[in-house]
Amino acid sequence: MIDTSCRGMAGTFGNWMETKRISRDVAELALALAVRAAPKELILLADKLSCRNQILDSAMKRVVSTAIVLDRVRS
């Protein structure tokens, strides 16, 4: 488990051209570093779209929601 969370997104805040850099800078404090250091086989789980976007933008890793993981387990 990665002991950090996304920050600096607040809905669409991190997607606006003028504030995207702030979101990336905040992610670099801990989240992006932890995600990049995580084992490749680790499933990255985030339910909020803004957190998934922040991880994808800052660490270039794909993230899934709880619903996707549960569907995979059920299949």
C-alpha atoms as a PDB file:
ATOM      1  CA  MET A   1       0.000   0.000   0.000  1.00  0.00           C
ATOM      2  CA  ILE A   2       1.254   3.455  -0.904  1.00  0.00           C
ATOM      3  CA  ASP A   3       0.936   5.751   2.098  1.00  0.00           C
ATOM      4  CA  THR A   4       0.086   8.950   0.243  1.00  0.00           C
ATOM      5  CA  SER A   5      -2.784  10.415  -1.691  1.00  0.00           C
ATOM      6  CA  CYS A   6      -3.519  12.814  -4.512  1.00  0.00           C
ATOM      7  CA  ARG A   7      -3.634  16.500  -3.744  1.00  0.00           C
ATOM      8  CA  GLY A   8      -4.018  19.729  -5.646  1.00  0.00           C
ATOM      9  CA  MET A   9      -6.784  18.559  -7.938  1.00  0.00           C
ATOM     10  CA  ALA A  10     -10.063  19.752  -6.320  1.00  0.00           C
ATOM     11  CA  GLY A  11     -12.318  18.594  -9.118  1.00  0.00           C
ATOM     12  CA  THR A  12     -11.087  20.045 -12.398  1.00  0.00           C
ATOM     13  CA  PHE A  13      -8.447  22.344 -10.833  1.00  0.00           C
ATOM     14  CA  GLY A  14      -5.553  20.144 -11.909  1.00  0.00           C
ATOM     15  CA  ASN A  15      -6.821  19.920 -15.467  1.00  0.00           C
ATOM     16  CA  TRP A  16      -6.918  23.656 -16.189  1.00  0.00           C
ATOM     17  CA  MET A  17      -4.034  24.911 -18.309  1.00  0.00           C
ATOM     18  CA  GLU A  18      -3.146  27.630 -15.784  1.00  0.00           C
ATOM     19  CA  THR A  19      -3.165  25.305 -12.733  1.00  0.00           C
ATOM     20  CA  LYS A  20      -1.972  21.960 -14.133  1.00  0.00           C
ATOM     21  CA  ARG A  21       1.637  22.715 -13.124  1.00  0.00           C
ATOM     22  CA  ILE A  22       0.567  23.217  -9.505  1.00  0.00           C
ATOM     23  CA  SER A  23      -1.123  19.819  -9.499  1.00  0.00           C
ATOM     24  CA  ARG A  24       2.003  18.160 -10.936  1.00  0.00           C
ATOM     25  CA  ASP A  25       4.233  19.928  -8.400  1.00  0.00           C
ATOM     26  CA  VAL A  26       2.034  18.716  -5.533  1.00  0.00           C
ATOM     27  CA  ALA A  27       2.073  15.157  -6.918  1.00  0.00           C
ATOM     28  CA  GLU A  28       5.884  15.260  -6.970  1.00  0.00           C
ATOM     29  CA  LEU A  29       5.972  15.812  -3.185  1.00  0.00           C
ATOM     30  CA  ALA A  30       5.091  12.158  -2.551  1.00  0.00           C
ATOM     31  CA  LEU A  31       2.437  10.555  -4.747  1.00  0.00           C
ATOM     32  CA  ALA A  32       4.232  10.453  -8.097  1.00  0.00           C
ATOM     33  CA  LEU A  33       7.460   9.331  -6.437  1.00  0.00           C
ATOM     34  CA  ALA A  34       5.713   6.457  -4.653  1.00  0.00           C
ATOM     35  CA  VAL A  35       3.803   5.391  -7.752  1.00  0.00           C
ATOM     36  CA  ARG A  36       6.936   5.341  -9.928  1.00  0.00           C
ATOM     37  CA  ALA A  37       8.767   3.314  -7.253  1.00  0.00           C
ATOM     38  CA  ALA A  38       5.933   0.789  -6.874  1.00  0.00           C
ATOM     39  CA  PRO A  39       6.359  -2.698  -8.326  1.00  0.00           C
ATOM     40  CA  LYS A  40       5.075  -2.991 -11.885  1.00  0.00           C
ATOM     41  CA  GLU A  41       2.546  -5.689 -10.919  1.00  0.00           C
ATOM     42  CA  LEU A  42       0.948  -3.477  -8.233  1.00  0.00           C
ATOM     43  CA  ILE A  43      -2.648  -2.548  -9.046  1.00  0.00           C
ATOM     44  CA  LEU A  44      -3.062   1.183  -8.580  1.00  0.00           C
ATOM     45  CA  LEU A  45      -6.503   1.900  -7.202  1.00  0.00           C
ATOM     46  CA  ALA A  46      -8.178   5.316  -7.041  1.00  0.00           C
ATOM     47  CA  ASP A  47     -11.900   5.938  -7.161  1.00  0.00           C
ATOM     48  CA  LYS A  48     -11.847   9.636  -7.914  1.00  0.00           C
ATOM     49  CA  LEU A  49     -11.307  10.590 -11.542  1.00  0.00           C
ATOM     50  CA  SER A  50      -9.188  13.583 -10.542  1.00  0.00           C
ATOM     51  CA  CYS A  51      -6.790  11.321  -8.605  1.00  0.00           C
ATOM     52  CA  ARG A  52      -6.548   8.880 -11.519  1.00  0.00           C
ATOM     53  CA  ASN A  53      -5.794  11.783 -13.869  1.00  0.00           C
ATOM     54  CA  GLN A  54      -3.159  13.201 -11.518  1.00  0.00           C
ATOM     55  CA  ILE A  55      -1.370   9.841 -11.307  1.00  0.00           C
ATOM     56  CA  LEU A  56      -1.527   9.342 -15.063  1.00  0.00           C
ATOM     57  CA  ASP A  57      -0.267  12.880 -15.739  1.00  0.00           C
ATOM     58  CA  SER A  58       2.534  12.861 -13.176  1.00  0.00           C
ATOM     59  CA  ALA A  59       3.719   9.245 -13.078  1.00  0.00           C
ATOM     60  CA  MET A  60       2.494   7.908 -16.426  1.00  0.00           C
ATOM     61  CA  LYS A  61       0.815   4.936 -14.711  1.00  0.00           C
ATOM     62  CA  ARG A  62      -2.687   3.707 -15.360  1.00  0.00           C
ATOM     63  CA  VAL A  63      -5.024   3.587 -12.365  1.00  0.00           C
ATOM     64  CA  VAL A  64      -8.299   1.697 -11.975  1.00  0.00           C
ATOM     65  CA  SER A  65     -11.353   2.180  -9.793  1.00  0.00           C
ATOM     66  CA  THR A  66     -12.637  -0.231  -7.145  1.00  0.00           C
ATOM     67  CA  ALA A  67     -15.482  -1.230  -9.472  1.00  0.00           C
ATOM     68  CA  ILE A  68     -12.998  -2.399 -12.132  1.00  0.00           C
ATOM     69  CA  VAL A  69     -11.012  -4.463  -9.617  1.00  0.00           C
ATOM     70  CA  LEU A  70     -14.170  -6.075  -8.238  1.00  0.00           C
ATOM     71  CA  ASP A  71     -15.339  -6.896 -11.760  1.00  0.00           C
ATOM     72  CA  ARG A  72     -11.993  -8.556 -12.525  1.00  0.00           C
ATOM     73  CA  VAL A  73     -12.179 -10.625  -9.334  1.00  0.00           C
ATOM     74  CA  ARG A  74     -15.750 -11.657 -10.084  1.00  0.00           C
ATOM     75  CA  SER A  75     -14.909 -12.745 -13.675  1.00  0.00           C
END
